[in-house]
Amino acid sequence: MSQDLLIKLVSVGDEKGVGKGHVYYTRFNNKVKKDPTKKYETKKFNPVAKKHTVYKQKK
C-alpha cells in the first residue's frame, strides 16, 4: 500500500465499551476531504464486539 494514503482507524467500541481499541488500516485521500479540520469516521465490523461500531481516524 502507498504509505502517504494509509490511515489508521481505531474503534471507539460499542455502548458498553467492548471492542475499544481494535484497529483497521485503510487508504484514504486526505487531500480531497471537504473539511480538512475533521477526522475521517466510518462504521465497520468489529470482530471483538461482533457488531458494527464507529471507527475514527488516528495519527
PDB file of N, CA and C in Angstrom:
ATOM      1  N   MET A   1       0.835  -1.184   0.000  1.00  0.00           N
ATOM      2  CA  MET A   1       0.000   0.000   0.000  1.00  0.00           C
ATOM      3  C   MET A   1       0.878   1.246   0.000  1.00  0.00           C
ATOM      4  N   SER A   2       0.384   2.269  -0.633  1.00  0.00           N
ATOM      5  CA  SER A   2       1.088   3.543  -0.619  1.00  0.00           C
ATOM      6  C   SER A   2       0.995   4.158   0.777  1.00  0.00           C
ATOM      7  N   GLN A   3       2.136   4.506   1.364  1.00  0.00           N
ATOM      8  CA  GLN A   3       2.161   4.989   2.743  1.00  0.00           C
ATOM      9  C   GLN A   3       1.583   6.384   2.911  1.00  0.00           C
ATOM     10  N   ASP A   4       1.580   7.198   1.854  1.00  0.00           N
ATOM     11  CA  ASP A   4       1.050   8.548   2.005  1.00  0.00           C
ATOM     12  C   ASP A   4      -0.472   8.561   2.088  1.00  0.00           C
ATOM     13  N   LEU A   5      -1.147   7.510   1.631  1.00  0.00           N
ATOM     14  CA  LEU A   5      -2.604   7.437   1.710  1.00  0.00           C
ATOM     15  C   LEU A   5      -3.087   6.524   2.832  1.00  0.00           C
ATOM     16  N   LEU A   6      -2.176   5.880   3.552  1.00  0.00           N
ATOM     17  CA  LEU A   6      -2.529   4.926   4.583  1.00  0.00           C
ATOM     18  C   LEU A   6      -2.920   5.653   5.870  1.00  0.00           C
ATOM     19  N   ILE A   7      -4.108   5.303   6.398  1.00  0.00           N
ATOM     20  CA  ILE A   7      -4.547   5.888   7.670  1.00  0.00           C
ATOM     21  C   ILE A   7      -4.911   4.771   8.640  1.00  0.00           C
ATOM     22  N   LYS A   8      -4.902   5.086   9.914  1.00  0.00           N
ATOM     23  CA  LYS A   8      -5.223   4.140  10.971  1.00  0.00           C
ATOM     24  C   LYS A   8      -6.599   4.495  11.525  1.00  0.00           C
ATOM     25  N   LEU A   9      -7.516   3.518  11.542  1.00  0.00           N
ATOM     26  CA  LEU A   9      -8.841   3.705  12.110  1.00  0.00           C
ATOM     27  C   LEU A   9      -8.922   2.907  13.399  1.00  0.00           C
ATOM     28  N   VAL A  10      -9.303   3.570  14.497  1.00  0.00           N
ATOM     29  CA  VAL A  10      -9.385   2.933  15.812  1.00  0.00           C
ATOM     30  C   VAL A  10     -10.836   2.933  16.270  1.00  0.00           C
ATOM     31  N   SER A  11     -11.286   1.775  16.765  1.00  0.00           N
ATOM     32  CA  SER A  11     -12.665   1.628  17.214  1.00  0.00           C
ATOM     33  C   SER A  11     -12.903   2.359  18.526  1.00  0.00           C
ATOM     34  N   VAL A  12     -14.084   2.962  18.641  1.00  0.00           N
ATOM     35  CA  VAL A  12     -14.484   3.578  19.911  1.00  0.00           C
ATOM     36  C   VAL A  12     -15.266   2.580  20.756  1.00  0.00           C
ATOM     37  N   GLY A  13     -15.542   1.390  20.220  1.00  0.00           N
ATOM     38  CA  GLY A  13     -16.256   0.345  20.945  1.00  0.00           C
ATOM     39  C   GLY A  13     -17.763   0.519  20.858  1.00  0.00           C
ATOM     40  N   ASP A  14     -18.479  -0.454  21.425  1.00  0.00           N
ATOM     41  CA  ASP A  14     -19.939  -0.348  21.435  1.00  0.00           C
ATOM     42  C   ASP A  14     -20.384   0.429  22.668  1.00  0.00           C
ATOM     43  N   GLU A  15     -21.674   0.406  22.984  1.00  0.00           N
ATOM     44  CA  GLU A  15     -22.189   1.202  24.096  1.00  0.00           C
ATOM     45  C   GLU A  15     -21.636   0.753  25.448  1.00  0.00           C
ATOM     46  N   LYS A  16     -21.170  -0.496  25.554  1.00  0.00           N
ATOM     47  CA  LYS A  16     -20.587  -0.995  26.801  1.00  0.00           C
ATOM     48  C   LYS A  16     -19.067  -0.880  26.810  1.00  0.00           C
ATOM     49  N   GLY A  17     -18.479  -0.418  25.700  1.00  0.00           N
ATOM     50  CA  GLY A  17     -17.028  -0.278  25.624  1.00  0.00           C
ATOM     51  C   GLY A  17     -16.319  -1.514  25.121  1.00  0.00           C
ATOM     52  N   VAL A  18     -17.070  -2.545  24.708  1.00  0.00           N
ATOM     53  CA  VAL A  18     -16.467  -3.778  24.213  1.00  0.00           C
ATOM     54  C   VAL A  18     -15.875  -3.532  22.836  1.00  0.00           C
ATOM     55  N   GLY A  19     -14.667  -3.975  22.620  1.00  0.00           N
ATOM     56  CA  GLY A  19     -14.009  -3.835  21.329  1.00  0.00           C
ATOM     57  C   GLY A  19     -13.289  -2.519  21.139  1.00  0.00           C
ATOM     58  N   LYS A  20     -13.169  -1.731  22.173  1.00  0.00           N
ATOM     59  CA  LYS A  20     -12.499  -0.438  22.071  1.00  0.00           C
ATOM     60  C   LYS A  20     -11.008  -0.663  21.811  1.00  0.00           C
ATOM     61  N   GLY A  21     -10.477   0.067  20.836  1.00  0.00           N
ATOM     62  CA  GLY A  21      -9.065  -0.039  20.535  1.00  0.00           C
ATOM     63  C   GLY A  21      -8.724  -0.946  19.362  1.00  0.00           C
ATOM     64  N   HIS A  22      -9.714  -1.671  18.821  1.00  0.00           N
ATOM     65  CA  HIS A  22      -9.448  -2.514  17.645  1.00  0.00           C
ATOM     66  C   HIS A  22      -9.078  -1.619  16.477  1.00  0.00           C
ATOM     67  N   VAL A  23      -8.121  -2.046  15.634  1.00  0.00           N
ATOM     68  CA  VAL A  23      -7.544  -1.191  14.607  1.00  0.00           C
ATOM     69  C   VAL A  23      -7.762  -1.748  13.213  1.00  0.00           C
ATOM     70  N   TYR A  24      -8.130  -0.885  12.283  1.00  0.00           N
ATOM     71  CA  TYR A  24      -8.147  -1.158  10.844  1.00  0.00           C
ATOM     72  C   TYR A  24      -7.184  -0.183  10.184  1.00  0.00           C
ATOM     73  N   TYR A  25      -6.505  -0.618   9.146  1.00  0.00           N
ATOM     74  CA  TYR A  25      -5.695   0.261   8.315  1.00  0.00           C
ATOM     75  C   TYR A  25      -6.344   0.300   6.942  1.00  0.00           C
ATOM     76  N   THR A  26      -6.486   1.479   6.371  1.00  0.00           N
ATOM     77  CA  THR A  26      -7.111   1.623   5.071  1.00  0.00           C
ATOM     78  C   THR A  26      -6.484   2.794   4.336  1.00  0.00           C
ATOM     79  N   ARG A  27      -6.823   2.911   3.051  1.00  0.00           N
ATOM     80  CA  ARG A  27      -6.320   4.021   2.255  1.00  0.00           C
ATOM     81  C   ARG A  27      -7.410   5.076   2.144  1.00  0.00           C
ATOM     82  N   PHE A  28      -7.002   6.337   2.280  1.00  0.00           N
ATOM     83  CA  PHE A  28      -7.945   7.450   2.197  1.00  0.00           C
ATOM     84  C   PHE A  28      -7.182   8.673   1.734  1.00  0.00           C
ATOM     85  N   ASN A  29      -7.698   9.362   0.743  1.00  0.00           N
ATOM     86  CA  ASN A  29      -7.039  10.543   0.207  1.00  0.00           C
ATOM     87  C   ASN A  29      -7.468  11.766   1.007  1.00  0.00           C
ATOM     88  N   ASN A  30      -6.628  12.222   1.932  1.00  0.00           N
ATOM     89  CA  ASN A  30      -6.948  13.360   2.787  1.00  0.00           C
ATOM     90  C   ASN A  30      -7.018  14.671   2.018  1.00  0.00           C
ATOM     91  N   LYS A  31      -6.418  14.728   0.840  1.00  0.00           N
ATOM     92  CA  LYS A  31      -6.385  15.973   0.081  1.00  0.00           C
ATOM     93  C   LYS A  31      -7.734  16.310  -0.547  1.00  0.00           C
ATOM     94  N   VAL A  32      -8.660  15.336  -0.613  1.00  0.00           N
ATOM     95  CA  VAL A  32      -9.946  15.546  -1.264  1.00  0.00           C
ATOM     96  C   VAL A  32     -11.057  15.785  -0.236  1.00  0.00           C
ATOM     97  N   LYS A  33     -10.715  15.768   1.067  1.00  0.00           N
ATOM     98  CA  LYS A  33     -11.737  15.960   2.100  1.00  0.00           C
ATOM     99  C   LYS A  33     -12.422  17.309   1.942  1.00  0.00           C
ATOM    100  N   LYS A  34     -13.700  17.357   2.288  1.00  0.00           N
ATOM    101  CA  LYS A  34     -14.454  18.610   2.210  1.00  0.00           C
ATOM    102  C   LYS A  34     -14.050  19.563   3.337  1.00  0.00           C
ATOM    103  N   ASP A  35     -13.875  19.065   4.541  1.00  0.00           N
ATOM    104  CA  ASP A  35     -13.485  19.892   5.682  1.00  0.00           C
ATOM    105  C   ASP A  35     -12.185  19.341   6.264  1.00  0.00           C
ATOM    106  N   PRO A  36     -11.067  19.982   6.041  1.00  0.00           N
ATOM    107  CA  PRO A  36      -9.780  19.430   6.471  1.00  0.00           C
ATOM    108  C   PRO A  36      -9.576  19.379   7.985  1.00  0.00           C
ATOM    109  N   THR A  37     -10.425  20.051   8.767  1.00  0.00           N
ATOM    110  CA  THR A  37     -10.264  20.023  10.215  1.00  0.00           C
ATOM    111  C   THR A  37     -10.905  18.784  10.840  1.00  0.00           C
ATOM    112  N   LYS A  38     -11.802  18.100  10.133  1.00  0.00           N
ATOM    113  CA  LYS A  38     -12.495  16.937  10.669  1.00  0.00           C
ATOM    114  C   LYS A  38     -11.699  15.662  10.392  1.00  0.00           C
ATOM    115  N   LYS A  39     -11.795  14.722  11.309  1.00  0.00           N
ATOM    116  CA  LYS A  39     -11.173  13.411  11.151  1.00  0.00           C
ATOM    117  C   LYS A  39     -12.150  12.492  10.406  1.00  0.00           C
ATOM    118  N   TYR A  40     -11.597  11.547   9.653  1.00  0.00           N
ATOM    119  CA  TYR A  40     -12.415  10.576   8.923  1.00  0.00           C
ATOM    120  C   TYR A  40     -13.060   9.622   9.921  1.00  0.00           C
ATOM    121  N   GLU A  41     -14.336   9.320   9.722  1.00  0.00           N
ATOM    122  CA  GLU A  41     -15.092   8.465  10.631  1.00  0.00           C
ATOM    123  C   GLU A  41     -16.000   7.559   9.818  1.00  0.00           C
ATOM    124  N   THR A  42     -16.037   6.277  10.145  1.00  0.00           N
ATOM    125  CA  THR A  42     -16.878   5.336   9.419  1.00  0.00           C
ATOM    126  C   THR A  42     -17.305   4.204  10.344  1.00  0.00           C
ATOM    127  N   LYS A  43     -18.323   3.446   9.921  1.00  0.00           N
ATOM    128  CA  LYS A  43     -18.756   2.277  10.669  1.00  0.00           C
ATOM    129  C   LYS A  43     -18.225   1.038   9.962  1.00  0.00           C
ATOM    130  N   LYS A  44     -17.563   0.170  10.725  1.00  0.00           N
ATOM    131  CA  LYS A  44     -17.025  -1.078  10.209  1.00  0.00           C
ATOM    132  C   LYS A  44     -17.333  -2.191  11.205  1.00  0.00           C
ATOM    133  N   PHE A  45     -17.201  -3.440  10.738  1.00  0.00           N
ATOM    134  CA  PHE A  45     -17.452  -4.577  11.613  1.00  0.00           C
ATOM    135  C   PHE A  45     -16.300  -4.749  12.586  1.00  0.00           C
ATOM    136  N   ASN A  46     -16.618  -4.872  13.855  1.00  0.00           N
ATOM    137  CA  ASN A  46     -15.633  -5.085  14.914  1.00  0.00           C
ATOM    138  C   ASN A  46     -15.724  -6.550  15.344  1.00  0.00           C
ATOM    139  N   PRO A  47     -14.700  -7.375  15.047  1.00  0.00           N
ATOM    140  CA  PRO A  47     -14.767  -8.798  15.396  1.00  0.00           C
ATOM    141  C   PRO A  47     -14.702  -9.065  16.900  1.00  0.00           C
ATOM    142  N   VAL A  48     -14.185  -8.132  17.687  1.00  0.00           N
ATOM    143  CA  VAL A  48     -14.123  -8.308  19.134  1.00  0.00           C
ATOM    144  C   VAL A  48     -15.520  -8.133  19.730  1.00  0.00           C
ATOM    145  N   ALA A  49     -16.223  -7.083  19.303  1.00  0.00           N
ATOM    146  CA  ALA A  49     -17.577  -6.810  19.794  1.00  0.00           C
ATOM    147  C   ALA A  49     -18.630  -7.600  19.021  1.00  0.00           C
ATOM    148  N   LYS A  50     -18.246  -8.167  17.867  1.00  0.00           N
ATOM    149  CA  LYS A  50     -19.134  -8.942  16.988  1.00  0.00           C
ATOM    150  C   LYS A  50     -20.328  -8.124  16.514  1.00  0.00           C
ATOM    151  N   LYS A  51     -20.077  -6.839  16.205  1.00  0.00           N
ATOM    152  CA  LYS A  51     -21.110  -5.969  15.634  1.00  0.00           C
ATOM    153  C   LYS A  51     -20.425  -4.789  14.954  1.00  0.00           C
ATOM    154  N   HIS A  52     -21.183  -3.995  14.228  1.00  0.00           N
ATOM    155  CA  HIS A  52     -20.643  -2.805  13.579  1.00  0.00           C
ATOM    156  C   HIS A  52     -20.487  -1.688  14.609  1.00  0.00           C
ATOM    157  N   THR A  53     -19.300  -1.075  14.632  1.00  0.00           N
ATOM    158  CA  THR A  53     -19.019   0.026  15.541  1.00  0.00           C
ATOM    159  C   THR A  53     -18.380   1.175  14.767  1.00  0.00           C
ATOM    160  N   VAL A  54     -18.304   2.320  15.399  1.00  0.00           N
ATOM    161  CA  VAL A  54     -17.715   3.511  14.777  1.00  0.00           C
ATOM    162  C   VAL A  54     -16.199   3.440  14.910  1.00  0.00           C
ATOM    163  N   TYR A  55     -15.525   3.745  13.811  1.00  0.00           N
ATOM    164  CA  TYR A  55     -14.065   3.838  13.780  1.00  0.00           C
ATOM    165  C   TYR A  55     -13.690   5.264  13.427  1.00  0.00           C
ATOM    166  N   LYS A  56     -12.732   5.828  14.174  1.00  0.00           N
ATOM    167  CA  LYS A  56     -12.277   7.197  13.935  1.00  0.00           C
ATOM    168  C   LYS A  56     -10.811   7.184  13.547  1.00  0.00           C
ATOM    169  N   GLN A  57     -10.443   8.157  12.729  1.00  0.00           N
ATOM    170  CA  GLN A  57      -9.070   8.282  12.256  1.00  0.00           C
ATOM    171  C   GLN A  57      -8.143   8.735  13.372  1.00  0.00           C
ATOM    172  N   LYS A  58      -6.996   8.061  13.476  1.00  0.00           N
ATOM    173  CA  LYS A  58      -5.952   8.446  14.414  1.00  0.00           C
ATOM    174  C   LYS A  58      -4.674   8.661  13.632  1.00  0.00           C
ATOM    175  N   LYS A  59      -3.710   9.363  14.211  1.00  0.00           N
ATOM    176  CA  LYS A  59      -2.424   9.574  13.539  1.00  0.00           C
ATOM    177  C   LYS A  59      -1.510   8.406  13.780  1.00  0.00           C
TER     178      LYS A  59
END
